[in-house]
N, C-alpha and C. Protein backbone atom coordinates (compact mmCIF):
# COMPACT_ATOMS: atom_id res chain seq x y z
N MET A 1 -7.75 -23.31 -9.32
CA MET A 1 -9.12 -24.00 -8.71
C MET A 1 -8.72 -24.07 -7.43
N SER A 2 -10.00 -23.60 -6.81
CA SER A 2 -9.97 -23.79 -5.08
C SER A 2 -9.92 -25.10 -4.75
N SER A 3 -9.41 -25.11 -3.24
CA SER A 3 -9.10 -26.56 -2.81
C SER A 3 -10.50 -27.23 -2.70
N PHE A 4 -11.50 -26.66 -2.37
CA PHE A 4 -12.93 -27.27 -2.43
C PHE A 4 -13.36 -27.77 -3.58
N THR A 5 -13.03 -26.94 -4.67
CA THR A 5 -13.55 -27.37 -6.19
C THR A 5 -12.50 -28.60 -6.58
N LEU A 6 -11.68 -28.71 -6.17
CA LEU A 6 -10.73 -29.92 -6.37
C LEU A 6 -11.44 -31.20 -5.62
N PHE A 7 -11.69 -30.90 -4.43
CA PHE A 7 -12.19 -31.72 -3.66
C PHE A 7 -13.77 -32.22 -4.44
N MET A 8 -14.33 -31.44 -4.69
CA MET A 8 -15.75 -31.54 -5.17
C MET A 8 -15.56 -32.28 -6.72
N LYS A 9 -14.58 -31.91 -7.59
CA LYS A 9 -14.23 -32.70 -8.88
C LYS A 9 -14.01 -34.39 -8.59
N GLU A 10 -12.94 -34.24 -7.39
CA GLU A 10 -12.57 -35.61 -7.14
C GLU A 10 -14.00 -36.83 -6.74
N ASN A 11 -14.70 -36.17 -5.99
CA ASN A 11 -15.77 -36.84 -5.27
C ASN A 11 -17.14 -36.64 -5.65
N HIS A 12 -17.49 -36.10 -7.08
CA HIS A 12 -18.74 -35.94 -7.52
C HIS A 12 -19.41 -37.06 -7.64
N ASN A 13 -20.65 -37.37 -7.80
CA ASN A 13 -21.44 -38.30 -8.05
C ASN A 13 -22.49 -38.07 -9.20
N ASN A 14 -22.30 -38.67 -10.33
CA ASN A 14 -22.99 -38.47 -11.42
C ASN A 14 -24.45 -38.59 -11.43
N ASP A 15 -24.75 -39.48 -10.22
CA ASP A 15 -26.05 -40.22 -10.16
C ASP A 15 -27.06 -38.85 -9.42
N LYS A 16 -26.29 -37.83 -8.98
CA LYS A 16 -27.12 -36.99 -8.29
C LYS A 16 -27.06 -35.60 -8.88
N SER A 17 -28.08 -34.82 -8.86
CA SER A 17 -28.12 -33.47 -9.50
C SER A 17 -27.13 -32.80 -8.76
N LEU A 18 -26.66 -31.58 -9.44
CA LEU A 18 -25.92 -30.42 -9.15
C LEU A 18 -25.96 -29.88 -7.67
N ILE A 19 -27.34 -29.59 -7.63
CA ILE A 19 -27.42 -29.09 -6.16
C ILE A 19 -27.29 -30.16 -5.17
N GLU A 20 -27.58 -31.33 -5.38
CA GLU A 20 -27.48 -32.50 -4.29
C GLU A 20 -26.21 -32.70 -3.90
N ASN A 21 -25.27 -32.78 -5.08
CA ASN A 21 -23.80 -33.02 -5.20
C ASN A 21 -23.34 -31.69 -4.19
N VAL A 22 -23.46 -30.69 -4.53
CA VAL A 22 -22.98 -29.62 -3.81
C VAL A 22 -23.29 -29.49 -2.43
N ARG A 23 -24.46 -29.86 -1.98
CA ARG A 23 -25.01 -30.01 -0.42
C ARG A 23 -24.18 -31.14 0.07
N HIS A 24 -24.12 -32.20 -0.49
CA HIS A 24 -23.53 -33.36 -0.07
C HIS A 24 -21.92 -33.02 0.36
N LEU A 25 -21.49 -32.61 -0.85
CA LEU A 25 -19.92 -32.47 -0.66
C LEU A 25 -19.44 -31.44 0.28
N ARG A 26 -20.35 -30.36 0.34
CA ARG A 26 -20.24 -29.17 1.16
C ARG A 26 -20.18 -29.82 2.78
N ASP A 27 -21.31 -30.60 2.96
CA ASP A 27 -21.27 -31.15 4.31
C ASP A 27 -20.01 -32.01 4.40
N LYS A 28 -19.62 -32.70 3.39
CA LYS A 28 -18.49 -33.80 3.60
C LYS A 28 -17.30 -33.04 3.78
N TRP A 29 -17.01 -31.92 3.20
CA TRP A 29 -16.01 -31.24 3.30
C TRP A 29 -15.92 -30.48 4.73
N ALA A 30 -16.78 -30.36 5.34
CA ALA A 30 -17.00 -29.48 6.62
C ALA A 30 -16.54 -30.48 7.71
N GLN A 31 -16.71 -31.79 7.37
CA GLN A 31 -16.31 -32.87 8.21
C GLN A 31 -14.71 -33.35 8.13
N LEU A 32 -14.33 -32.99 6.89
CA LEU A 32 -12.90 -33.28 6.87
C LEU A 32 -11.92 -32.65 8.11
N SER A 33 -11.07 -33.28 8.49
CA SER A 33 -10.06 -32.69 9.25
C SER A 33 -9.15 -31.78 8.33
N GLU A 34 -8.30 -30.73 9.19
CA GLU A 34 -7.66 -30.09 8.63
C GLU A 34 -6.40 -30.69 7.87
N VAL A 35 -5.93 -31.68 8.34
CA VAL A 35 -4.92 -32.47 7.67
C VAL A 35 -5.45 -33.07 6.30
N GLU A 36 -6.60 -33.36 6.08
CA GLU A 36 -7.34 -34.18 5.13
C GLU A 36 -7.50 -32.84 4.20
N LYS A 37 -7.96 -31.82 4.59
CA LYS A 37 -8.04 -30.59 3.38
C LYS A 37 -6.73 -30.18 3.02
N GLU A 38 -5.83 -30.45 3.75
CA GLU A 38 -4.30 -29.85 3.41
C GLU A 38 -3.86 -30.28 2.14
N LYS A 39 -4.37 -31.58 1.83
CA LYS A 39 -3.91 -32.33 0.32
C LYS A 39 -4.54 -31.55 -0.70
N TYR A 40 -5.80 -30.83 -0.69
CA TYR A 40 -6.43 -30.14 -1.46
C TYR A 40 -5.71 -28.86 -1.81
N ARG A 41 -5.41 -28.22 -0.56
CA ARG A 41 -4.87 -26.89 -0.60
C ARG A 41 -3.61 -26.89 -1.13
N MET A 42 -2.71 -28.05 -0.92
CA MET A 42 -1.57 -28.03 -1.51
C MET A 42 -1.68 -28.11 -2.85
N ILE A 43 -2.52 -29.05 -3.64
CA ILE A 43 -2.54 -29.13 -5.08
C ILE A 43 -3.18 -27.78 -5.52
N SER A 44 -4.07 -27.12 -4.90
CA SER A 44 -4.52 -26.00 -5.31
C SER A 44 -3.58 -24.70 -5.49
N GLN A 45 -2.45 -24.77 -4.27
CA GLN A 45 -1.52 -23.68 -4.39
C GLN A 45 -0.43 -23.97 -5.63
N ARG A 46 -0.11 -25.43 -5.69
CA ARG A 46 0.74 -25.85 -6.72
C ARG A 46 0.38 -25.40 -8.14
N ASN A 47 -1.12 -25.79 -8.21
CA ASN A 47 -1.80 -25.39 -9.60
C ASN A 47 -1.52 -23.87 -9.87
N MET A 48 -1.79 -23.11 -8.94
CA MET A 48 -1.67 -21.56 -9.10
C MET A 48 -0.34 -21.15 -9.11
N GLU A 49 0.57 -21.68 -8.78
CA GLU A 49 2.11 -21.35 -9.03
C GLU A 49 2.27 -21.73 -10.47
N GLN A 50 2.03 -22.76 -10.98
CA GLN A 50 2.30 -23.24 -12.22
C GLN A 50 1.53 -22.37 -13.19
N TYR A 51 0.44 -21.99 -12.90
CA TYR A 51 -0.51 -20.93 -13.84
C TYR A 51 0.05 -19.68 -14.03
N LYS A 52 0.77 -19.19 -12.65
CA LYS A 52 1.32 -17.88 -12.84
C LYS A 52 2.77 -18.03 -13.81
N VAL A 53 3.39 -19.07 -13.68
CA VAL A 53 4.58 -19.17 -14.50
C VAL A 53 4.24 -19.29 -15.75
N GLU A 54 3.35 -20.20 -16.02
CA GLU A 54 2.79 -20.18 -17.52
C GLU A 54 2.38 -18.85 -18.18
N MET A 55 1.49 -18.30 -17.45
CA MET A 55 0.67 -16.82 -17.73
C MET A 55 2.15 -16.03 -17.97
N ALA A 56 3.11 -15.67 -17.30
CA ALA A 56 4.14 -14.97 -17.48
C ALA A 56 5.05 -15.31 -18.72
N LYS A 57 5.20 -16.52 -18.92
CA LYS A 57 5.83 -17.00 -20.13
C LYS A 57 5.10 -16.59 -21.40
N TRP A 58 3.87 -16.76 -21.37
CA TRP A 58 2.90 -16.60 -22.54
C TRP A 58 3.04 -14.84 -22.76
N GLU A 59 2.82 -14.20 -21.59
CA GLU A 59 2.68 -12.74 -21.85
C GLU A 59 4.03 -12.11 -22.27
N ALA A 60 5.13 -12.80 -21.84
CA ALA A 60 6.32 -12.18 -22.54
C ALA A 60 6.28 -12.51 -23.97
N GLN A 61 5.65 -13.65 -24.45
CA GLN A 61 5.86 -14.35 -25.72
C GLN A 61 5.00 -13.26 -26.52
N MET A 62 3.94 -12.98 -26.00
CA MET A 62 2.99 -12.10 -26.74
C MET A 62 3.54 -10.54 -26.86
N ILE A 63 4.08 -10.07 -26.05
CA ILE A 63 4.82 -8.68 -25.93
C ILE A 63 6.19 -9.15 -27.11
N ALA A 64 6.67 -9.79 -26.82
CA ALA A 64 7.89 -10.14 -28.03
C ALA A 64 7.45 -10.09 -29.21
N GLU A 65 6.25 -10.74 -29.50
CA GLU A 65 5.70 -10.87 -30.96
C GLU A 65 4.79 -9.79 -31.18
N GLY A 66 4.65 -8.60 -30.39
CA GLY A 66 4.17 -7.41 -30.82
C GLY A 66 2.78 -7.16 -30.61
N LYS A 67 2.13 -8.23 -29.67
CA LYS A 67 0.88 -8.40 -29.45
C LYS A 67 0.43 -7.89 -27.80
N PRO A 68 0.89 -6.65 -27.61
CA PRO A 68 0.71 -6.43 -25.99
C PRO A 68 -0.94 -6.21 -25.66
N HIS A 69 -1.84 -5.96 -26.74
CA HIS A 69 -3.14 -5.79 -26.56
C HIS A 69 -3.76 -7.13 -25.96
N LEU A 70 -2.95 -8.21 -26.13
CA LEU A 70 -3.39 -9.59 -25.43
C LEU A 70 -2.95 -9.78 -23.96
N VAL A 71 -2.13 -8.88 -23.56
CA VAL A 71 -1.66 -8.93 -22.23
C VAL A 71 -2.22 -8.25 -21.05
N ARG A 72 -2.59 -8.72 -19.86
CA ARG A 72 -3.05 -7.85 -18.75
C ARG A 72 -2.53 -6.63 -18.83
N SER A 73 -3.37 -5.68 -18.53
CA SER A 73 -2.73 -4.27 -18.10
C SER A 73 -1.98 -4.23 -17.08
N LYS A 74 -2.27 -5.19 -16.03
CA LYS A 74 -1.06 -4.77 -15.08
C LYS A 74 0.31 -5.54 -15.51
N THR A 75 0.23 -6.44 -16.28
CA THR A 75 1.83 -6.90 -16.55
C THR A 75 2.42 -5.71 -17.38
N LEU A 76 1.76 -5.07 -18.09
CA LEU A 76 2.38 -3.79 -18.89
C LEU A 76 2.61 -2.44 -18.14
N LYS A 77 2.08 -2.53 -16.67
CA LYS A 77 2.16 -1.18 -15.88
C LYS A 77 3.88 -1.52 -15.46
N PRO A 78 4.68 -0.30 -15.55
CA PRO A 78 5.79 -0.42 -14.89
C PRO A 78 5.89 -0.79 -13.44
N LYS A 79 6.71 -1.43 -13.00
CA LYS A 79 6.62 -1.73 -11.49
C LYS A 79 7.49 -0.70 -10.78
N LYS A 80 6.83 -0.31 -9.45
CA LYS A 80 7.31 0.97 -8.65
C LYS A 80 8.45 0.29 -7.83
N GLY A 81 9.54 0.84 -7.68
CA GLY A 81 10.46 0.53 -6.72
C GLY A 81 10.23 1.00 -5.35
N LYS A 82 10.97 0.30 -4.34
CA LYS A 82 10.64 0.25 -2.97
C LYS A 82 10.58 1.96 -2.50
N SER A 83 11.60 2.64 -3.14
CA SER A 83 11.91 3.87 -2.79
C SER A 83 10.82 4.80 -3.36
N GLU A 84 9.74 4.58 -4.22
CA GLU A 84 8.73 5.48 -4.46
C GLU A 84 7.92 5.39 -3.57
């Protein structure tokens, strides 16, 4: 989830329509300082790192169980060495 999406999730207003919410929060996001935005960026980055770890574990499990068709094709491709 992007840092802005996390910000929207935390600050949405159920009394407003989706369009009103997005417009309001877009403007509010633009007014945040870089320091204030960093909170959301750090959470987003941590979530992405956790996702990658969990996905790698799941894909390894699927391969071990003989279900490579469930794994992303880029995971199945052999990695090229630096000398290639």
